[in-house]
Amino acid sequence: MADAGAPRTREDPLADLTADELLRVMGHEIGNLITIVSGYGQMLRDHWASLDDDRRTDIVARMNRQIDQLRVLIDNFQHLRWLTVTDGGTADIPAPTDVVRLVTSLAEDVRPLAGEHPLVLDLEPELPPVLVDRAAVQHVLMNLVVNATKFSPPGEPIEITVHCEDGFVRFEVVDRGPGIPPQKREEVFEKFVRLQRGGVGVGLGLFISRALVTSMGGRIWVEDGDDGGTRLCFSLPVAQAKD
């Protein structure tokens, strides 16, 4: 089992990107957010009559939250900063957060990105709070789910599992695809790397995810899935209780 390791120092992961590369990163993340908003819009259009008022209100609130996330993204790039911005709009360190509530909400938000693949949650109960930035965790989960859809056979589920391990909370996104060869497992986190020739995307999702996880004091890596496929894992530090 991979060691969660010591927290990484916070740094600017955009520092070595050219202007063209920054634009490609931004386009990649905006595309994911638009897919989520579009998915909710289609849900309202196709199922309006069967949805009760509370569900309609919830969907609209989720759409608005993704639009706010888009504003944060644009603001960060305008100031050449990364996605370490709180909901209040000011730069901040990661805050202690209820993991179960966070992942349950984010899983619903990223579900449109899973397409035809069922999204399955397996959350350890009573997880300790972790140090996270909500916007950053959403972008990581978006990118890992999108990556899983590229390799999972049609209709196969994508799993999100979360459990506590050695002072860290470990997040996993598991697919049923062909897996990633051991010699490629570090390379996939480099910018503009794609495992599929002629595949969709520009090879930025895992690069972005590593940058975000590192900025929150965690780490990200690849393991084999239990039944084949790939287990993309990242760990974030448990929030220490104040004396």
C-alpha atoms as a PDB file:
ATOM      1  CA  MET A   1       0.000   0.000   0.000  1.00  0.00           C
ATOM      2  CA  ALA A   2       1.373   3.412  -0.880  1.00  0.00           C
ATOM      3  CA  ASP A   3       2.658   5.543   1.998  1.00  0.00           C
ATOM      4  CA  ALA A   4       0.805   8.813   2.375  1.00  0.00           C
ATOM      5  CA  GLY A   5       4.121  10.504   3.082  1.00  0.00           C
ATOM      6  CA  ALA A   6       4.850  13.884   4.575  1.00  0.00           C
ATOM      7  CA  PRO A   7       2.892  16.964   3.516  1.00  0.00           C
ATOM      8  CA  ARG A   8       4.419  18.846   0.611  1.00  0.00           C
ATOM      9  CA  THR A   9       5.238  22.526   0.780  1.00  0.00           C
ATOM     10  CA  ARG A  10       2.773  24.885  -0.879  1.00  0.00           C
ATOM     11  CA  GLU A  11       4.076  26.366  -4.109  1.00  0.00           C
ATOM     12  CA  ASP A  12       2.789  27.895  -7.328  1.00  0.00           C
ATOM     13  CA  PRO A  13       2.379  24.993  -9.783  1.00  0.00           C
ATOM     14  CA  LEU A  14       1.809  27.407 -12.661  1.00  0.00           C
ATOM     15  CA  ALA A  15       5.195  29.062 -12.325  1.00  0.00           C
ATOM     16  CA  ASP A  16       6.889  27.101 -15.115  1.00  0.00           C
ATOM     17  CA  LEU A  17       4.025  27.245 -17.635  1.00  0.00           C
ATOM     18  CA  THR A  18       4.126  29.433 -20.717  1.00  0.00           C
ATOM     19  CA  ALA A  19       1.264  31.775 -21.591  1.00  0.00           C
ATOM     20  CA  ASP A  20       0.025  29.296 -24.202  1.00  0.00           C
ATOM     21  CA  GLU A  21       0.120  26.460 -21.686  1.00  0.00           C
ATOM     22  CA  LEU A  22      -1.787  28.551 -19.143  1.00  0.00           C
ATOM     23  CA  LEU A  23      -4.527  29.115 -21.705  1.00  0.00           C
ATOM     24  CA  ARG A  24      -4.720  25.384 -22.409  1.00  0.00           C
ATOM     25  CA  VAL A  25      -4.988  24.614 -18.689  1.00  0.00           C
ATOM     26  CA  MET A  26      -7.753  27.189 -18.329  1.00  0.00           C
ATOM     27  CA  GLY A  27      -9.626  25.857 -21.355  1.00  0.00           C
ATOM     28  CA  HIS A  28      -9.443  22.322 -19.967  1.00  0.00           C
ATOM     29  CA  GLU A  29     -10.929  23.291 -16.593  1.00  0.00           C
ATOM     30  CA  ILE A  30     -13.592  25.572 -18.087  1.00  0.00           C
ATOM     31  CA  GLY A  31     -14.702  22.724 -20.354  1.00  0.00           C
ATOM     32  CA  ASN A  32     -15.305  20.455 -17.354  1.00  0.00           C
ATOM     33  CA  LEU A  33     -17.339  23.099 -15.535  1.00  0.00           C
ATOM     34  CA  ILE A  34     -19.439  23.802 -18.625  1.00  0.00           C
ATOM     35  CA  THR A  35     -20.161  20.074 -18.950  1.00  0.00           C
ATOM     36  CA  ILE A  36     -21.495  19.995 -15.394  1.00  0.00           C
ATOM     37  CA  VAL A  37     -23.727  23.053 -15.855  1.00  0.00           C
ATOM     38  CA  SER A  38     -24.959  21.712 -19.189  1.00  0.00           C
ATOM     39  CA  GLY A  39     -25.769  18.342 -17.609  1.00  0.00           C
ATOM     40  CA  TYR A  40     -27.911  19.962 -14.955  1.00  0.00           C
ATOM     41  CA  GLY A  41     -29.602  22.122 -17.591  1.00  0.00           C
ATOM     42  CA  GLN A  42     -30.487  19.029 -19.618  1.00  0.00           C
ATOM     43  CA  MET A  43     -31.856  17.383 -16.477  1.00  0.00           C
ATOM     44  CA  LEU A  44     -34.177  20.310 -15.893  1.00  0.00           C
ATOM     45  CA  ARG A  45     -35.239  20.375 -19.550  1.00  0.00           C
ATOM     46  CA  ASP A  46     -35.897  16.637 -19.841  1.00  0.00           C
ATOM     47  CA  HIS A  47     -37.389  15.926 -16.401  1.00  0.00           C
ATOM     48  CA  TRP A  48     -38.995  19.207 -15.348  1.00  0.00           C
ATOM     49  CA  ALA A  49     -42.476  17.771 -14.891  1.00  0.00           C
ATOM     50  CA  SER A  50     -41.270  14.828 -12.771  1.00  0.00           C
ATOM     51  CA  LEU A  51     -39.063  16.909 -10.450  1.00  0.00           C
ATOM     52  CA  ASP A  52     -40.551  18.395  -7.309  1.00  0.00           C
ATOM     53  CA  ASP A  53     -39.881  21.998  -6.335  1.00  0.00           C
ATOM     54  CA  ASP A  54     -37.158  21.107  -3.829  1.00  0.00           C
ATOM     55  CA  ARG A  55     -35.206  19.122  -6.425  1.00  0.00           C
ATOM     56  CA  ARG A  56     -35.535  21.901  -9.005  1.00  0.00           C
ATOM     57  CA  THR A  57     -34.265  24.409  -6.453  1.00  0.00           C
ATOM     58  CA  ASP A  58     -31.360  22.111  -5.578  1.00  0.00           C
ATOM     59  CA  ILE A  59     -30.350  21.719  -9.234  1.00  0.00           C
ATOM     60  CA  VAL A  60     -30.447  25.469  -9.836  1.00  0.00           C
ATOM     61  CA  ALA A  61     -28.338  26.012  -6.706  1.00  0.00           C
ATOM     62  CA  ARG A  62     -25.795  23.488  -7.984  1.00  0.00           C
ATOM     63  CA  MET A  63     -25.665  25.212 -11.365  1.00  0.00           C
ATOM     64  CA  ASN A  64     -25.051  28.529  -9.632  1.00  0.00           C
ATOM     65  CA  ARG A  65     -22.290  26.953  -7.545  1.00  0.00           C
ATOM     66  CA  GLN A  66     -20.505  25.786 -10.702  1.00  0.00           C
ATOM     67  CA  ILE A  67     -20.804  29.275 -12.176  1.00  0.00           C
ATOM     68  CA  ASP A  68     -19.230  30.639  -8.981  1.00  0.00           C
ATOM     69  CA  GLN A  69     -16.477  28.037  -9.381  1.00  0.00           C
ATOM     70  CA  LEU A  70     -15.926  29.307 -12.923  1.00  0.00           C
ATOM     71  CA  ARG A  71     -15.605  32.873 -11.640  1.00  0.00           C
ATOM     72  CA  VAL A  72     -13.001  31.711  -9.117  1.00  0.00           C
ATOM     73  CA  LEU A  73     -11.082  29.938 -11.880  1.00  0.00           C
ATOM     74  CA  ILE A  74     -11.062  33.008 -14.128  1.00  0.00           C
ATOM     75  CA  ASP A  75     -10.081  35.281 -11.229  1.00  0.00           C
ATOM     76  CA  ASN A  76      -7.162  33.012 -10.327  1.00  0.00           C
ATOM     77  CA  PHE A  77      -5.827  32.970 -13.856  1.00  0.00           C
ATOM     78  CA  GLN A  78      -6.193  36.718 -14.191  1.00  0.00           C
ATOM     79  CA  HIS A  79      -3.908  37.066 -11.178  1.00  0.00           C
ATOM     80  CA  LEU A  80      -1.704  34.103 -12.184  1.00  0.00           C
ATOM     81  CA  ARG A  81      -2.639  32.281  -8.986  1.00  0.00           C
ATOM     82  CA  TRP A  82      -3.810  28.710  -8.539  1.00  0.00           C
ATOM     83  CA  LEU A  83      -7.139  27.418  -7.270  1.00  0.00           C
ATOM     84  CA  THR A  84      -6.535  28.048  -3.562  1.00  0.00           C
ATOM     85  CA  VAL A  85      -9.401  30.492  -3.125  1.00  0.00           C
ATOM     86  CA  THR A  86     -12.169  30.097  -0.604  1.00  0.00           C
ATOM     87  CA  ASP A  87     -15.866  30.564  -1.297  1.00  0.00           C
ATOM     88  CA  GLY A  88     -15.467  34.095   0.042  1.00  0.00           C
ATOM     89  CA  GLY A  89     -13.149  34.924  -2.819  1.00  0.00           C
ATOM     90  CA  THR A  90      -9.900  35.491  -0.884  1.00  0.00           C
ATOM     91  CA  ALA A  91      -6.723  33.455  -1.012  1.00  0.00           C
ATOM     92  CA  ASP A  92      -6.394  31.206   2.039  1.00  0.00           C
ATOM     93  CA  ILE A  93      -4.797  28.056   3.378  1.00  0.00           C
ATOM     94  CA  PRO A  94      -6.841  24.829   3.316  1.00  0.00           C
ATOM     95  CA  ALA A  95      -9.555  24.756   5.988  1.00  0.00           C
ATOM     96  CA  PRO A  96     -10.764  21.840   8.200  1.00  0.00           C
ATOM     97  CA  THR A  97     -13.692  20.303   6.331  1.00  0.00           C
ATOM     98  CA  ASP A  98     -16.261  17.532   6.879  1.00  0.00           C
ATOM     99  CA  VAL A  99     -15.148  14.967   4.289  1.00  0.00           C
ATOM    100  CA  VAL A 100     -18.348  12.931   4.032  1.00  0.00           C
ATOM    101  CA  ARG A 101     -20.500  16.006   3.440  1.00  0.00           C
ATOM    102  CA  LEU A 102     -17.979  17.452   0.987  1.00  0.00           C
ATOM    103  CA  VAL A 103     -17.528  14.331  -1.146  1.00  0.00           C
ATOM    104  CA  THR A 104     -21.244  13.519  -1.154  1.00  0.00           C
ATOM    105  CA  SER A 105     -22.011  16.987  -2.491  1.00  0.00           C
ATOM    106  CA  LEU A 106     -19.131  17.041  -4.981  1.00  0.00           C
ATOM    107  CA  ALA A 107     -19.979  13.580  -6.310  1.00  0.00           C
ATOM    108  CA  GLU A 108     -23.442  14.825  -7.204  1.00  0.00           C
ATOM    109  CA  ASP A 109     -21.905  17.825  -8.937  1.00  0.00           C
ATOM    110  CA  VAL A 110     -19.414  15.813 -11.027  1.00  0.00           C
ATOM    111  CA  ARG A 111     -21.925  13.101 -11.927  1.00  0.00           C
ATOM    112  CA  PRO A 112     -22.643  14.676 -15.359  1.00  0.00           C
ATOM    113  CA  LEU A 113     -18.969  14.134 -16.233  1.00  0.00           C
ATOM    114  CA  ALA A 114     -19.354  10.372 -15.718  1.00  0.00           C
ATOM    115  CA  GLY A 115     -21.757  10.134 -18.658  1.00  0.00           C
ATOM    116  CA  GLU A 116     -23.085   6.588 -19.075  1.00  0.00           C
ATOM    117  CA  HIS A 117     -20.983   5.277 -16.184  1.00  0.00           C
ATOM    118  CA  PRO A 118     -22.724   4.888 -12.801  1.00  0.00           C
ATOM    119  CA  LEU A 119     -20.880   6.845 -10.108  1.00  0.00           C
ATOM    120  CA  VAL A 120     -20.602   4.766  -6.912  1.00  0.00           C
ATOM    121  CA  LEU A 121     -19.618   6.205  -3.505  1.00  0.00           C
ATOM    122  CA  ASP A 122     -17.993   4.221  -0.698  1.00  0.00           C
ATOM    123  CA  LEU A 123     -17.250   6.517   2.241  1.00  0.00           C
ATOM    124  CA  GLU A 124     -15.884   5.353   5.568  1.00  0.00           C
ATOM    125  CA  PRO A 125     -18.241   6.627   8.281  1.00  0.00           C
ATOM    126  CA  GLU A 126     -17.082   9.214  10.827  1.00  0.00           C
ATOM    127  CA  LEU A 127     -14.082  10.372   8.846  1.00  0.00           C
ATOM    128  CA  PRO A 128     -12.020  13.072  10.574  1.00  0.00           C
ATOM    129  CA  PRO A 129     -11.981  16.588   9.135  1.00  0.00           C
ATOM    130  CA  VAL A 130      -9.280  17.198   6.548  1.00  0.00           C
ATOM    131  CA  LEU A 131      -7.417  20.305   5.420  1.00  0.00           C
ATOM    132  CA  VAL A 132      -8.837  21.090   1.999  1.00  0.00           C
ATOM    133  CA  ASP A 133      -9.856  23.866  -0.335  1.00  0.00           C
ATOM    134  CA  ARG A 134     -13.300  22.999  -1.693  1.00  0.00           C
ATOM    135  CA  ALA A 135     -12.667  24.450  -5.135  1.00  0.00           C
ATOM    136  CA  ALA A 136      -9.403  22.539  -5.459  1.00  0.00           C
ATOM    137  CA  VAL A 137     -10.918  19.209  -4.375  1.00  0.00           C
ATOM    138  CA  GLN A 138     -13.735  19.650  -6.880  1.00  0.00           C
ATOM    139  CA  HIS A 139     -11.238  20.202  -9.710  1.00  0.00           C
ATOM    140  CA  VAL A 140      -9.252  17.118  -8.678  1.00  0.00           C
ATOM    141  CA  LEU A 141     -12.356  14.911  -8.583  1.00  0.00           C
ATOM    142  CA  MET A 142     -13.552  16.363 -11.915  1.00  0.00           C
ATOM    143  CA  ASN A 143     -10.260  15.473 -13.571  1.00  0.00           C
ATOM    144  CA  LEU A 144     -10.007  11.987 -12.057  1.00  0.00           C
ATOM    145  CA  VAL A 145     -13.588  11.110 -13.013  1.00  0.00           C
ATOM    146  CA  VAL A 146     -13.062  12.396 -16.564  1.00  0.00           C
ATOM    147  CA  ASN A 147      -9.869  10.343 -16.795  1.00  0.00           C
ATOM    148  CA  ALA A 148     -11.721   7.231 -15.600  1.00  0.00           C
ATOM    149  CA  THR A 149     -14.449   7.638 -18.234  1.00  0.00           C
ATOM    150  CA  LYS A 150     -11.834   7.596 -21.005  1.00  0.00           C
ATOM    151  CA  PHE A 151     -10.726   4.076 -20.120  1.00  0.00           C
ATOM    152  CA  SER A 152     -13.761   2.352 -18.551  1.00  0.00           C
ATOM    153  CA  PRO A 153     -15.805   0.061 -20.822  1.00  0.00           C
ATOM    154  CA  PRO A 154     -19.316   1.364 -21.610  1.00  0.00           C
ATOM    155  CA  GLY A 155     -21.691   1.113 -18.672  1.00  0.00           C
ATOM    156  CA  GLU A 156     -19.046   0.059 -16.158  1.00  0.00           C
ATOM    157  CA  PRO A 157     -19.194   1.934 -12.843  1.00  0.00           C
ATOM    158  CA  ILE A 158     -16.660   4.452 -11.617  1.00  0.00           C
ATOM    159  CA  GLU A 159     -16.094   4.292  -7.865  1.00  0.00           C
ATOM    160  CA  ILE A 160     -15.127   7.053  -5.460  1.00  0.00           C
ATOM    161  CA  THR A 161     -13.908   5.650  -2.151  1.00  0.00           C
ATOM    162  CA  VAL A 162     -12.646   7.559   0.880  1.00  0.00           C
ATOM    163  CA  HIS A 163     -11.078   6.239   4.083  1.00  0.00           C
ATOM    164  CA  CYS A 164      -8.638   7.279   6.810  1.00  0.00           C
ATOM    165  CA  GLU A 165      -5.027   6.075   6.767  1.00  0.00           C
ATOM    166  CA  ASP A 166      -2.064   7.067   8.964  1.00  0.00           C
ATOM    167  CA  GLY A 167      -3.027  10.662   9.644  1.00  0.00           C
ATOM    168  CA  PHE A 168      -4.277  11.274   6.125  1.00  0.00           C
ATOM    169  CA  VAL A 169      -7.639  10.812   4.424  1.00  0.00           C
ATOM    170  CA  ARG A 170      -7.206   8.765   1.266  1.00  0.00           C
ATOM    171  CA  PHE A 171      -9.430   9.415  -1.759  1.00  0.00           C
ATOM    172  CA  GLU A 172      -9.629   6.919  -4.641  1.00  0.00           C
ATOM    173  CA  VAL A 173     -11.255   7.028  -8.072  1.00  0.00           C
ATOM    174  CA  VAL A 174     -11.395   3.516  -9.532  1.00  0.00           C
ATOM    175  CA  ASP A 175     -12.161   2.475 -13.097  1.00  0.00           C
ATOM    176  CA  ARG A 176     -12.489  -0.890 -14.887  1.00  0.00           C
ATOM    177  CA  GLY A 177     -10.240  -0.046 -17.821  1.00  0.00           C
ATOM    178  CA  PRO A 178      -6.999  -1.680 -19.025  1.00  0.00           C
ATOM    179  CA  GLY A 179      -4.872  -0.152 -16.272  1.00  0.00           C
ATOM    180  CA  ILE A 180      -1.714   1.957 -16.415  1.00  0.00           C
ATOM    181  CA  PRO A 181       1.629   0.143 -16.811  1.00  0.00           C
ATOM    182  CA  PRO A 182       3.974   0.652 -13.819  1.00  0.00           C
ATOM    183  CA  GLN A 183       6.571   2.408 -15.960  1.00  0.00           C
ATOM    184  CA  LYS A 184       3.974   5.018 -16.999  1.00  0.00           C
ATOM    185  CA  ARG A 185       2.551   5.801 -13.556  1.00  0.00           C
ATOM    186  CA  GLU A 186       4.732   8.812 -12.853  1.00  0.00           C
ATOM    187  CA  GLU A 187       4.731  10.075 -16.425  1.00  0.00           C
ATOM    188  CA  VAL A 188       0.929  10.451 -16.511  1.00  0.00           C
ATOM    189  CA  PHE A 189       1.182  13.364 -14.055  1.00  0.00           C
ATOM    190  CA  GLU A 190       3.352  15.383 -16.424  1.00  0.00           C
ATOM    191  CA  LYS A 191       1.755  18.050 -18.592  1.00  0.00           C
ATOM    192  CA  PHE A 192       0.386  17.163 -22.020  1.00  0.00           C
ATOM    193  CA  VAL A 193       0.821  13.388 -21.543  1.00  0.00           C
ATOM    194  CA  ARG A 194      -1.922  11.163 -23.010  1.00  0.00           C
ATOM    195  CA  LEU A 195      -2.003   7.380 -22.783  1.00  0.00           C
ATOM    196  CA  GLN A 196      -4.329   7.002 -25.780  1.00  0.00           C
ATOM    197  CA  ARG A 197      -3.112   7.898 -29.238  1.00  0.00           C
ATOM    198  CA  GLY A 198      -5.731  10.029 -30.895  1.00  0.00           C
ATOM    199  CA  GLY A 199      -7.685  10.152 -27.641  1.00  0.00           C
ATOM    200  CA  VAL A 200      -9.736  13.092 -26.479  1.00  0.00           C
ATOM    201  CA  GLY A 201      -8.316  15.769 -24.201  1.00  0.00           C
ATOM    202  CA  VAL A 202      -4.999  17.568 -24.088  1.00  0.00           C
ATOM    203  CA  GLY A 203      -3.237  15.603 -21.353  1.00  0.00           C
ATOM    204  CA  LEU A 204      -3.662  18.119 -18.530  1.00  0.00           C
ATOM    205  CA  GLY A 205      -6.113  16.561 -16.081  1.00  0.00           C
ATOM    206  CA  LEU A 206      -3.624  14.588 -13.984  1.00  0.00           C
ATOM    207  CA  PHE A 207      -1.014  17.338 -14.189  1.00  0.00           C
ATOM    208  CA  ILE A 208      -3.553  19.791 -12.768  1.00  0.00           C
ATOM    209  CA  SER A 209      -4.643  17.287 -10.130  1.00  0.00           C
ATOM    210  CA  ARG A 210      -1.096  16.742  -8.872  1.00  0.00           C
ATOM    211  CA  ALA A 211      -0.553  20.509  -8.652  1.00  0.00           C
ATOM    212  CA  LEU A 212      -3.731  21.010  -6.629  1.00  0.00           C
ATOM    213  CA  VAL A 213      -3.171  18.079  -4.275  1.00  0.00           C
ATOM    214  CA  THR A 214       0.402  19.203  -3.633  1.00  0.00           C
ATOM    215  CA  SER A 215      -0.795  22.746  -2.902  1.00  0.00           C
ATOM    216  CA  MET A 216      -2.983  21.314  -0.093  1.00  0.00           C
ATOM    217  CA  GLY A 217      -0.118  19.378   1.502  1.00  0.00           C
ATOM    218  CA  GLY A 218      -1.021  15.990   0.023  1.00  0.00           C
ATOM    219  CA  ARG A 219       0.213  13.635  -2.653  1.00  0.00           C
ATOM    220  CA  ILE A 220      -1.288  11.707  -5.591  1.00  0.00           C
ATOM    221  CA  TRP A 221      -0.328   8.398  -7.172  1.00  0.00           C
ATOM    222  CA  VAL A 222      -1.526   5.385  -9.226  1.00  0.00           C
ATOM    223  CA  GLU A 223      -2.283   1.823  -8.095  1.00  0.00           C
ATOM    224  CA  ASP A 224      -3.854  -1.240  -9.693  1.00  0.00           C
ATOM    225  CA  GLY A 225      -7.581  -1.696  -9.162  1.00  0.00           C
ATOM    226  CA  ASP A 226      -8.844  -4.813  -7.375  1.00  0.00           C
ATOM    227  CA  ASP A 227     -10.453  -6.229 -10.532  1.00  0.00           C
ATOM    228  CA  GLY A 228      -8.112  -4.737 -13.087  1.00  0.00           C
ATOM    229  CA  GLY A 229      -8.321  -1.137 -14.138  1.00  0.00           C
ATOM    230  CA  THR A 230      -6.768   1.804 -12.361  1.00  0.00           C
ATOM    231  CA  ARG A 231      -7.000   3.216  -8.864  1.00  0.00           C
ATOM    232  CA  LEU A 232      -6.054   6.898  -8.847  1.00  0.00           C
ATOM    233  CA  CYS A 233      -5.346   7.838  -5.236  1.00  0.00           C
ATOM    234  CA  PHE A 234      -4.671  11.072  -3.429  1.00  0.00           C
ATOM    235  CA  SER A 235      -4.264  11.774   0.266  1.00  0.00           C
ATOM    236  CA  LEU A 236      -4.832  14.952   2.268  1.00  0.00           C
ATOM    237  CA  PRO A 237      -3.773  15.645   5.856  1.00  0.00           C
ATOM    238  CA  VAL A 238      -6.202  15.247   8.723  1.00  0.00           C
ATOM    239  CA  ALA A 239      -6.901  18.536  10.480  1.00  0.00           C
ATOM    240  CA  GLN A 240      -5.157  18.634  13.836  1.00  0.00           C
ATOM    241  CA  ALA A 241      -7.370  19.380  16.828  1.00  0.00           C
ATOM    242  CA  LYS A 242      -6.603  22.672  18.565  1.00  0.00           C
ATOM    243  CA  ASP A 243      -5.521  22.567  22.190  1.00  0.00           C
END
